[in-house]
Protein backbone atom coordinates (compact mmCIF):
# COMPACT_ATOMS: atom_id res chain seq x y z
CA MET A 1 -22.62 25.10 -13.07
CA SER A 2 -19.40 24.03 -11.39
CA LEU A 3 -16.30 23.43 -13.52
CA ARG A 4 -16.10 19.75 -14.51
CA VAL A 5 -12.56 18.32 -14.68
CA GLY A 6 -11.56 14.84 -15.82
CA ILE A 7 -8.14 13.44 -14.96
CA ILE A 8 -6.88 10.32 -16.72
CA GLY A 9 -4.35 8.47 -14.57
CA ALA A 10 -3.56 8.52 -10.85
CA GLY A 11 0.19 8.15 -11.04
CA PRO A 12 2.52 10.90 -9.77
CA SER A 13 1.20 13.37 -12.37
CA GLY A 14 -2.47 12.70 -11.68
CA MET A 15 -1.79 12.77 -7.95
CA ALA A 16 -0.09 16.15 -8.46
CA GLN A 17 -3.19 17.51 -10.21
CA LEU A 18 -5.43 16.35 -7.37
CA ARG A 19 -3.04 17.90 -4.86
CA ALA A 20 -3.00 21.18 -6.80
CA PHE A 21 -6.76 21.52 -6.54
CA GLU A 22 -6.68 20.51 -2.87
CA ALA A 23 -4.04 23.18 -2.17
CA ALA A 24 -6.30 25.79 -3.76
CA ARG A 25 -9.31 24.55 -1.76
CA ALA A 26 -7.31 24.90 1.46
CA LYS A 27 -6.85 28.60 0.58
CA GLY A 28 -10.56 29.12 0.10
CA ALA A 29 -11.04 28.39 -3.61
CA ASP A 30 -14.04 26.47 -4.86
CA MET A 31 -13.36 22.86 -5.75
CA PRO A 32 -14.45 21.82 -9.25
CA GLU A 33 -16.30 18.59 -9.94
CA ILE A 34 -13.39 16.16 -10.36
CA VAL A 35 -13.29 12.57 -11.54
CA CYS A 36 -9.92 10.85 -11.83
CA PHE A 37 -9.76 7.53 -13.69
CA GLU A 38 -7.16 4.91 -12.76
CA LYS A 39 -7.15 1.47 -14.36
CA GLN A 40 -5.00 -0.03 -11.60
CA SER A 41 -6.39 -0.89 -8.16
CA ASP A 42 -4.23 1.72 -6.40
CA TRP A 43 -2.58 5.03 -7.14
CA GLY A 44 1.11 5.50 -7.91
CA GLY A 45 1.29 4.72 -11.63
CA GLN A 46 4.74 3.38 -12.50
CA TRP A 47 5.66 3.28 -8.83
CA ASN A 48 2.82 0.85 -8.12
CA TYR A 49 4.92 -2.25 -8.77
CA SER A 50 3.34 -5.40 -10.18
CA TRP A 51 4.88 -8.71 -11.14
CA HIS A 52 2.57 -8.81 -14.16
CA THR A 53 4.04 -8.37 -17.62
CA GLY A 54 2.17 -8.08 -20.90
CA ILE A 55 -1.37 -8.41 -19.54
CA ASP A 56 -2.36 -7.70 -15.96
CA GLY A 57 -4.88 -9.54 -13.81
CA SER A 58 -7.79 -7.64 -15.35
CA GLY A 59 -6.83 -8.37 -18.94
CA GLU A 60 -5.46 -4.86 -19.46
CA SER A 61 -1.97 -4.07 -20.70
CA ALA A 62 0.44 -4.06 -17.74
CA HIS A 63 1.20 -0.44 -16.97
CA SER A 64 4.25 -0.43 -14.72
CA SER A 65 7.80 -0.80 -16.04
CA MET A 66 9.20 -1.02 -12.50
CA TYR A 67 11.23 -4.03 -11.39
CA ARG A 68 12.41 -5.66 -8.21
CA HIS A 69 15.50 -4.11 -6.63
CA LEU A 70 14.98 -0.83 -8.49
CA TRP A 71 16.63 2.01 -6.60
CA SER A 72 16.35 5.66 -7.53
CA ASN A 73 18.99 6.48 -10.12
CA GLY A 74 18.90 10.17 -9.23
CA PRO A 75 19.16 11.95 -5.87
CA LYS A 76 15.87 12.18 -4.00
CA GLU A 77 16.81 15.80 -3.28
CA CYS A 78 16.16 16.57 -6.96
CA LEU A 79 12.55 15.36 -6.85
CA GLU A 80 11.51 16.48 -3.36
CA PHE A 81 8.14 18.22 -3.02
CA SER A 82 8.55 21.75 -1.73
CA ASP A 83 5.35 21.42 0.35
CA TYR A 84 6.01 17.93 1.71
CA THR A 85 9.61 17.04 2.49
CA PHE A 86 11.33 13.74 3.12
CA ASP A 87 12.04 14.96 6.65
CA GLU A 88 8.33 15.50 7.24
CA HIS A 89 7.40 12.10 5.86
CA PHE A 90 10.06 9.92 7.49
CA GLY A 91 10.78 12.01 10.57
CA ARG A 92 14.54 11.67 10.15
CA PRO A 93 17.23 11.90 7.48
CA ILE A 94 17.43 9.04 5.01
CA SER A 95 19.96 8.36 2.28
CA SER A 96 19.85 10.05 -1.10
CA PHE A 97 19.02 7.07 -3.32
CA PRO A 98 16.03 5.14 -1.95
CA PRO A 99 14.51 2.02 -3.51
CA ARG A 100 11.12 2.01 -5.23
CA GLU A 101 9.03 1.06 -2.20
CA VAL A 102 10.42 3.98 -0.20
CA LEU A 103 9.64 6.51 -2.94
CA PHE A 104 6.15 5.06 -3.40
CA ASP A 105 5.58 5.48 0.33
CA TYR A 106 6.70 9.12 0.08
CA ILE A 107 4.53 10.17 -2.85
CA ALA A 108 1.51 8.35 -1.42
CA GLY A 109 2.07 9.93 1.99
CA ARG A 110 1.47 13.43 0.71
CA VAL A 111 -1.87 12.74 -0.96
CA GLU A 112 -3.00 10.53 1.92
CA LYS A 113 -2.82 13.63 4.13
CA SER A 114 -5.44 15.33 1.96
CA ASP A 115 -8.92 14.10 1.17
CA VAL A 116 -8.43 13.46 -2.56
CA ARG A 117 -8.74 9.69 -2.86
CA LYS A 118 -12.52 10.13 -3.04
CA TYR A 119 -12.14 11.67 -6.50
CA ILE A 120 -10.51 8.56 -7.99
CA GLN A 121 -12.38 5.73 -9.70
CA PHE A 122 -9.98 2.80 -9.42
CA ASN A 123 -10.06 -0.27 -11.70
CA THR A 124 -11.50 2.06 -14.33
CA ALA A 125 -10.06 2.33 -17.83
CA VAL A 126 -10.81 5.20 -20.20
CA ARG A 127 -11.86 3.67 -23.50
CA TRP A 128 -12.51 6.75 -25.65
CA VAL A 129 -12.82 10.52 -25.58
CA ASN A 130 -14.73 12.78 -27.95
CA TYR A 131 -14.60 16.56 -28.05
CA ASP A 132 -17.51 18.72 -29.22
CA GLU A 133 -16.21 22.04 -30.50
CA ALA A 134 -19.67 23.61 -30.41
CA THR A 135 -20.30 22.93 -26.73
CA GLU A 136 -16.57 22.84 -25.79
CA GLU A 137 -17.17 19.62 -23.88
CA PHE A 138 -15.35 16.31 -23.66
CA THR A 139 -17.42 13.13 -23.60
CA LEU A 140 -15.45 10.36 -21.94
CA PHE A 141 -16.34 6.67 -22.02
CA SER A 142 -15.00 4.58 -19.16
CA GLN A 143 -15.23 0.92 -18.20
CA ASP A 144 -14.79 -0.89 -14.90
CA VAL A 145 -12.13 -3.50 -15.71
CA LYS A 146 -13.47 -5.85 -13.05
CA THR A 147 -17.22 -5.75 -13.74
CA GLY A 148 -17.28 -4.56 -17.36
CA GLU A 149 -19.72 -1.77 -16.48
CA SER A 150 -19.43 1.19 -18.85
CA LYS A 151 -20.19 4.82 -18.07
CA THR A 152 -20.30 8.12 -19.93
CA HIS A 153 -18.96 11.34 -18.42
CA VAL A 154 -18.94 14.95 -19.65
CA PHE A 155 -16.13 17.39 -18.75
CA ASP A 156 -15.20 20.98 -19.48
CA LYS A 157 -11.48 20.32 -18.99
CA LEU A 158 -9.45 17.15 -19.45
CA VAL A 159 -6.04 16.29 -18.01
CA VAL A 160 -4.01 13.45 -19.54
CA SER A 161 -1.61 12.19 -16.89
CA THR A 162 -0.99 8.61 -18.02
CA GLY A 163 2.73 9.08 -18.60
CA HIS A 164 4.67 7.80 -21.59
CA PHE A 165 6.84 5.00 -20.25
CA SER A 166 4.46 2.07 -20.66
CA THR A 167 4.26 1.35 -24.39
CA PRO A 168 7.62 -0.11 -25.43
CA ASN A 169 9.40 0.88 -28.60
CA ILE A 170 10.55 -2.44 -30.08
CA PRO A 171 12.85 -2.31 -33.12
CA GLU A 172 13.47 -5.23 -35.45
CA PHE A 173 16.88 -6.79 -36.07
CA ASP A 174 17.82 -9.09 -38.90
CA GLY A 175 17.90 -12.69 -37.73
CA ILE A 176 16.58 -12.07 -34.23
CA ASN A 177 13.99 -14.78 -34.83
CA THR A 178 16.85 -17.27 -34.79
CA PHE A 179 18.01 -16.25 -31.32
CA PRO A 180 17.23 -19.22 -29.05
CA GLY A 181 17.48 -17.39 -25.72
CA GLU A 182 15.17 -15.00 -23.93
CA VAL A 183 14.35 -11.70 -25.68
CA LEU A 184 12.41 -9.04 -23.80
CA HIS A 185 11.91 -5.30 -23.56
CA ALA A 186 12.86 -3.38 -20.41
CA HIS A 187 9.12 -2.83 -19.84
CA ASP A 188 8.79 -6.54 -19.08
CA PHE A 189 11.97 -6.84 -17.00
CA ARG A 190 11.13 -7.70 -13.38
CA GLY A 191 14.49 -8.72 -11.91
CA ALA A 192 18.01 -9.81 -12.81
CA GLU A 193 18.29 -12.84 -10.53
CA ARG A 194 17.64 -15.26 -13.38
CA PHE A 195 20.55 -13.82 -15.35
CA GLY A 196 23.15 -14.99 -12.82
CA GLY A 197 26.00 -16.60 -14.78
CA LYS A 198 24.47 -15.51 -18.12
CA ARG A 199 25.89 -13.48 -20.98
CA LEU A 200 23.53 -10.54 -21.35
CA LEU A 201 23.12 -8.21 -24.32
CA MET A 202 21.48 -4.83 -23.64
CA ILE A 203 20.34 -2.95 -26.74
CA GLY A 204 20.18 0.75 -25.91
CA SER A 205 22.32 3.42 -24.32
CA SER A 206 20.24 5.29 -21.80
CA TYR A 207 19.01 4.95 -18.23
CA SER A 208 17.30 1.58 -18.63
CA ALA A 209 20.32 -0.09 -20.22
CA GLU A 210 22.65 1.43 -17.65
CA ASP A 211 20.52 0.52 -14.65
CA ILE A 212 19.38 -2.95 -15.69
CA GLY A 213 22.90 -3.78 -16.86
CA MET A 214 24.41 -2.85 -13.52
CA GLN A 215 21.67 -4.67 -11.63
CA ALA A 216 22.50 -7.76 -13.70
CA HIS A 217 26.15 -7.32 -12.77
CA LYS A 218 25.11 -6.98 -9.14
CA MET A 219 23.10 -10.20 -9.37
CA GLY A 220 25.98 -12.16 -10.84
CA ALA A 221 25.67 -12.00 -14.63
CA ALA A 222 28.75 -13.43 -16.36
CA SER A 223 28.98 -10.48 -18.75
CA ILE A 224 27.02 -7.45 -19.93
CA THR A 225 27.35 -5.96 -23.41
CA LEU A 226 25.71 -2.59 -24.02
CA SER A 227 24.92 -1.95 -27.69
CA TYR A 228 24.48 1.72 -28.61
CA ARG A 229 23.02 3.46 -31.64
CA SER A 230 24.25 7.06 -31.29
CA GLY A 231 27.25 6.80 -29.00
CA PRO A 232 28.62 4.98 -25.96
CA MET A 233 27.68 6.06 -22.44
CA GLY A 234 31.38 5.90 -21.61
CA PHE A 235 31.17 5.14 -17.90
CA ASP A 236 33.95 3.39 -16.01
CA TRP A 237 32.23 0.03 -16.27
CA PRO A 238 33.19 -3.05 -14.24
CA SER A 239 35.46 -5.52 -16.03
CA THR A 240 32.51 -7.73 -17.01
CA THR A 241 30.88 -4.91 -19.02
CA VAL A 242 31.68 -3.59 -22.51
CA GLU A 243 30.02 -1.25 -25.00
CA ARG A 244 29.61 -2.03 -28.68
CA PRO A 245 27.99 -0.19 -31.62
CA LEU A 246 24.50 -1.19 -32.69
CA VAL A 247 23.67 -4.81 -33.49
CA THR A 248 23.44 -5.40 -37.24
CA ARG A 249 22.17 -8.99 -37.21
CA PHE A 250 21.75 -12.17 -35.20
CA GLU A 251 22.77 -15.68 -36.14
CA GLY A 252 21.53 -18.04 -33.48
CA THR A 253 23.22 -17.08 -30.22
CA THR A 254 25.67 -14.79 -32.06
CA ALA A 255 25.10 -11.05 -32.32
CA HIS A 256 27.08 -9.10 -34.90
CA PHE A 257 27.87 -5.42 -34.30
CA ALA A 258 28.46 -2.46 -36.60
CA ASP A 259 32.19 -2.38 -35.82
CA GLY A 260 32.66 -5.89 -37.16
CA THR A 261 32.87 -7.59 -33.76
CA SER A 262 30.50 -10.27 -32.54
CA GLY A 263 29.59 -12.05 -29.33
CA GLU A 264 27.72 -15.02 -27.94
CA PHE A 265 24.73 -14.31 -25.67
CA ASP A 266 22.19 -16.11 -23.54
CA ALA A 267 19.59 -13.32 -23.32
CA VAL A 268 18.73 -9.99 -24.94
CA ILE A 269 17.03 -7.04 -23.25
CA MET A 270 15.86 -4.20 -25.47
CA CYS A 271 16.28 -0.90 -23.64
CA THR A 272 15.02 0.99 -26.65
CA GLY A 273 12.64 3.44 -25.06
CA TYR A 274 8.92 4.04 -25.14
CA LEU A 275 6.25 5.49 -27.40
CA HIS A 276 3.71 8.20 -26.75
CA LYS A 277 0.54 6.14 -26.99
CA TYR A 278 -2.93 7.37 -26.12
CA PRO A 279 -5.39 4.79 -27.50
CA PHE A 280 -8.32 6.57 -25.86
CA LEU A 281 -7.74 9.84 -27.78
CA PRO A 282 -8.44 10.79 -31.40
CA SER A 283 -5.27 11.61 -33.30
CA ASP A 284 -5.99 15.36 -33.34
CA LEU A 285 -5.78 15.41 -29.52
CA ALA A 286 -2.88 13.00 -28.98
CA VAL A 287 0.76 13.91 -28.45
CA ASN A 288 2.93 12.34 -31.13
CA SER A 289 6.55 13.01 -30.22
CA PRO A 290 9.87 11.36 -29.51
CA ASN A 291 10.99 11.41 -25.88
CA VAL A 292 12.33 14.95 -25.66
CA LEU A 293 12.54 17.66 -23.02
CA TYR A 294 10.01 19.84 -24.83
CA PRO A 295 7.46 18.13 -27.10
CA GLY A 296 6.00 20.33 -29.79
CA ASN A 297 2.36 21.39 -29.74
CA LEU A 298 2.18 21.88 -25.96
CA TYR A 299 2.12 25.46 -24.68
CA LYS A 300 4.38 25.62 -21.61
CA GLY A 301 4.74 21.87 -22.07
CA VAL A 302 1.22 21.46 -20.66
CA VAL A 303 -1.62 23.00 -22.73
CA TRP A 304 -2.60 21.46 -26.07
CA GLN A 305 -2.06 24.14 -28.68
CA GLN A 306 -5.16 23.39 -30.77
CA ASN A 307 -7.47 22.96 -27.77
CA THR A 308 -6.70 24.88 -24.61
CA ASN A 309 -9.20 22.79 -22.63
CA LEU A 310 -6.84 19.80 -22.90
CA PHE A 311 -3.79 19.41 -20.65
CA TYR A 312 -0.86 16.99 -20.49
CA LEU A 313 1.29 16.37 -17.43
CA GLY A 314 4.65 14.60 -17.55
CA ALA A 315 4.70 14.28 -21.34
CA GLN A 316 8.39 15.22 -21.66
CA ASP A 317 11.71 13.55 -20.99
CA GLN A 318 12.64 14.18 -17.41
CA TYR A 319 15.48 15.34 -15.24
CA TYR A 320 12.94 16.77 -12.79
CA THR A 321 10.08 14.42 -11.95
CA PHE A 322 7.69 14.73 -8.99
CA ASN A 323 8.26 18.44 -8.39
CA MET A 324 8.02 19.22 -12.12
CA PHE A 325 4.69 17.40 -12.25
CA ASP A 326 3.60 19.63 -9.36
CA ALA A 327 4.65 22.77 -11.22
CA GLN A 328 2.75 21.61 -14.29
CA ALA A 329 -0.34 20.67 -12.26
CA TRP A 330 -0.44 24.04 -10.48
CA PHE A 331 -0.12 25.79 -13.87
CA ALA A 332 -2.84 23.62 -15.44
CA ARG A 333 -5.12 24.27 -12.47
CA ASP A 334 -4.76 28.04 -12.80
CA VAL A 335 -5.40 27.91 -16.54
CA MET A 336 -8.51 25.78 -15.99
CA THR A 337 -9.91 28.13 -13.37
CA GLY A 338 -9.12 31.27 -15.39
CA LYS A 339 -6.49 32.57 -13.00
CA ILE A 340 -3.97 32.38 -15.85
CA ALA A 341 -5.28 33.78 -19.13
CA MET A 342 -4.28 32.07 -22.35
CA PRO A 343 -2.56 34.29 -24.94
CA SER A 344 -3.59 34.11 -28.58
CA ALA A 345 -2.83 31.03 -30.68
CA GLU A 346 -0.13 32.99 -32.50
CA GLU A 347 1.55 34.03 -29.26
CA ARG A 348 1.39 30.47 -27.93
CA ALA A 349 2.91 29.13 -31.14
CA ALA A 350 5.76 31.63 -30.93
CA ASP A 351 6.42 30.65 -27.32
CA ILE A 352 6.49 26.95 -28.23
CA GLU A 353 8.85 27.66 -31.11
CA SER A 354 11.24 29.60 -28.86
CA TRP A 355 11.50 26.65 -26.47
CA LEU A 356 12.02 24.24 -29.35
CA ASP A 357 14.83 26.44 -30.69
CA MET A 358 16.51 26.46 -27.29
CA GLN A 359 16.13 22.71 -27.05
CA ALA A 360 17.74 22.20 -30.45
CA ALA A 361 20.81 24.14 -29.30
CA LEU A 362 21.47 22.09 -26.14
CA ALA A 363 25.04 20.84 -26.17
CA ASP A 364 25.25 18.36 -23.30
CA HIS A 365 23.58 16.93 -20.20
CA ASP A 366 24.50 19.95 -18.10
CA ALA A 367 22.79 22.24 -20.60
CA GLU A 368 19.75 19.95 -20.58
CA ALA A 369 19.51 20.14 -16.79
CA ASP A 370 19.67 23.95 -16.94
CA PHE A 371 17.06 23.99 -19.72
CA GLN A 372 14.55 22.00 -17.69
CA THR A 373 15.38 24.07 -14.62
CA ASP A 374 14.43 27.22 -16.51
CA TYR A 375 11.25 25.52 -17.70
CA VAL A 376 10.18 24.51 -14.19
CA ARG A 377 11.07 27.99 -12.90
CA GLU A 378 8.79 29.61 -15.47
CA LEU A 379 5.86 27.45 -14.40
CA ILE A 380 6.42 28.06 -10.70
CA ASN A 381 6.75 31.81 -11.21
CA ALA A 382 3.30 31.83 -12.81
CA THR A 383 1.55 30.20 -9.82
CA ASP A 384 1.53 30.05 -6.03
CA TYR A 385 3.45 26.78 -5.91
CA PRO A 386 5.98 27.04 -3.04
CA GLU A 387 9.30 28.22 -4.42
CA PHE A 388 12.59 26.42 -3.84
CA ASP A 389 16.17 26.86 -4.99
CA LEU A 390 16.02 25.54 -8.53
CA ASP A 391 19.61 26.52 -9.30
CA ALA A 392 20.74 24.37 -6.37
CA VAL A 393 18.75 21.45 -7.80
CA SER A 394 20.39 21.92 -11.19
CA THR A 395 23.79 21.82 -9.47
CA LEU A 396 22.75 18.57 -7.80
CA PHE A 397 21.89 17.10 -11.20
CA LYS A 398 25.35 18.03 -12.48
CA ASP A 399 27.07 16.60 -9.38
CA TRP A 400 25.06 13.39 -9.80
CA MET A 401 26.08 13.04 -13.46
CA ARG A 402 29.72 13.62 -12.54
CA HIS A 403 29.54 11.02 -9.77
CA LYS A 404 28.11 8.50 -12.23
CA SER A 405 30.99 9.15 -14.60
CA GLU A 406 33.46 8.62 -11.77
CA ASP A 407 31.88 5.53 -10.22
CA ILE A 408 28.92 3.88 -11.91
CA LEU A 409 28.64 1.27 -9.13
CA GLY A 410 29.12 3.68 -6.25
CA TYR A 411 27.32 6.93 -7.08
CA ARG A 412 24.24 5.82 -5.15
CA ASP A 413 26.37 5.70 -2.00
CA LYS A 414 26.84 9.49 -2.11
CA ALA A 415 24.92 11.83 0.18
CA HIS A 416 23.31 15.10 -0.92
CA ARG A 417 21.74 18.02 0.92
CA SER A 418 18.04 18.92 0.64
CA VAL A 419 17.48 22.27 -1.03
CA ILE A 420 14.16 22.53 0.83
CA THR A 421 15.19 21.82 4.45
CA GLY A 422 18.98 21.96 4.35
CA THR A 423 19.12 18.44 5.79
CA MET A 424 22.15 16.41 4.78
CA ALA A 425 21.22 12.88 3.74
CA GLU A 426 22.70 10.11 5.80
CA ILE A 427 25.05 7.54 4.32
CA HIS A 428 23.02 4.38 3.86
CA HIS A 429 23.83 1.43 6.10
CA THR A 430 24.51 -0.76 3.04
CA ARG A 431 26.39 0.03 -0.14
CA TRP A 432 24.14 -0.25 -3.19
CA ILE A 433 26.26 -3.03 -4.70
CA ASN A 434 25.62 -5.12 -1.57
CA ALA A 435 21.97 -4.22 -0.94
CA MET A 436 19.95 -7.28 -1.92
CA ASP A 437 16.79 -6.40 0.00
CA ASP A 438 14.97 -3.32 -1.29
CA SER A 439 12.09 -3.40 1.20
CA LEU A 440 11.01 -0.31 3.13
CA GLU A 441 11.69 -2.05 6.42
CA ARG A 442 15.25 -3.07 5.52
CA PHE A 443 16.00 0.34 4.05
CA LEU A 444 14.86 2.24 7.13
CA ASN A 445 15.98 -0.13 9.88
CA GLY A 446 18.75 -2.35 8.52
CA PRO A 447 20.72 -4.33 9.41
CA SER A 448 23.58 -3.72 7.00
CA GLN A 449 24.22 -6.21 4.22
CA ASN A 450 27.68 -4.90 3.46
CA MET A 451 30.28 -7.43 2.42
CA ASP A 452 34.04 -7.23 2.24
CA THR A 453 34.08 -7.35 -1.56
CA ASN A 454 32.30 -5.68 -4.45
CA ALA A 455 33.06 -8.54 -6.82
CA MET A 456 29.41 -9.51 -7.00
CA ALA A 457 29.87 -11.46 -10.22
CA THR A 458 31.39 -14.23 -8.11
CA VAL A 459 28.54 -14.24 -5.57
CA ASP A 460 25.45 -16.45 -5.51
CA ALA A 461 22.77 -13.74 -5.52
CA ASN A 462 19.96 -16.18 -4.69
CA ALA A 463 21.82 -17.36 -1.61
CA ILE A 464 22.27 -13.75 -0.45
CA LEU A 465 18.58 -13.02 -1.02
CA ALA A 466 17.55 -16.11 0.91
CA ARG A 467 19.90 -15.25 3.77
CA GLY A 468 18.57 -11.67 3.94
CA LYS A 469 14.95 -12.67 4.52
């Protein structure tokens, strides 16, 4: 009987797993029986933007946390597929920090070239999974979210590739019920236009707070206050932006901070991260971890320690993204097919512990980038995934972080060189601070939207958007 593989989710990780099997088939390997379940109507996961928040059009929880005018906050050269380059996809150099629609077009372009869409059941949610230890089989219950039709499937191997940036972590704050303005989590943020002229409080001190805060500045917010728990991000913020310690309480429109200061606000956005949440899995199969570079209980960050027939892709915090998902998918594929033999449970546990010890000793962002570089290298060395210069990618990460520290509003205007092709990115026709149209057509073909000033807080963003149509 052919190997039966179930894949839950057709975002970048699930697409990587499909591509891994297709790459093996192209080299003469037998293709297993594959069914991939995707509750949305198209592939792409987070990158499949929807205006829906809370509940989508099928009555399911809205998956994507993407928002209008989202541009990559890291160089595309750090996430480039080694077997499908940006040059190949676009046919010419493009700039290093594309908007969402451009990256979606890129990741979809690779899988569209292979015949893998036939394995995906769209509009299909996984409701529950059981595992029978005696037969070593997973029984999966799915439901068509449009028709309500339910089905039962049996698999030998199961891949969880649903990601972990869809279930918001929402803390409580004393008095927040008295706040009369809008309160939302970054998961439900879809654009900063409505915050023009508003005083905005961002709770959190990571990528979401940084990016949404600067988009709000770009769209004309009167002020942005970033409230941190552990420590300030410390960038050279524009004059309208300040950092404060964590909020201690709210009194109406007033937020009080741990340093004794306070401020008046019109809206609050919680950029407080996400939870690992797998409602379709029993607790003994579900990752339960903070957002870290190496979650415990996953051998090589991929294989469930207590059940080596279960695999997770993209379950860790990420410097690397698309190409790391590839490395994980190739590794998972080779474990599933027996090409990579699993060591004993004791050896796997020792390996996990060694990675956790290294993670605990990481001193700064540079060390974190090197740590994940070493992790990706180990996966690639174990498979036939096309190699690329990982040390050069790690250097790019460090350059990117330095550029952010030097110019938080201008780092996206930098150009980087592909470590795969050697192509130098072109300087984009419009500075990020001026780019009000994030469409694929505008990105690729212009014209420029550059203005003579970066003082966007004084600009009517809606007028610019209307003029750019």
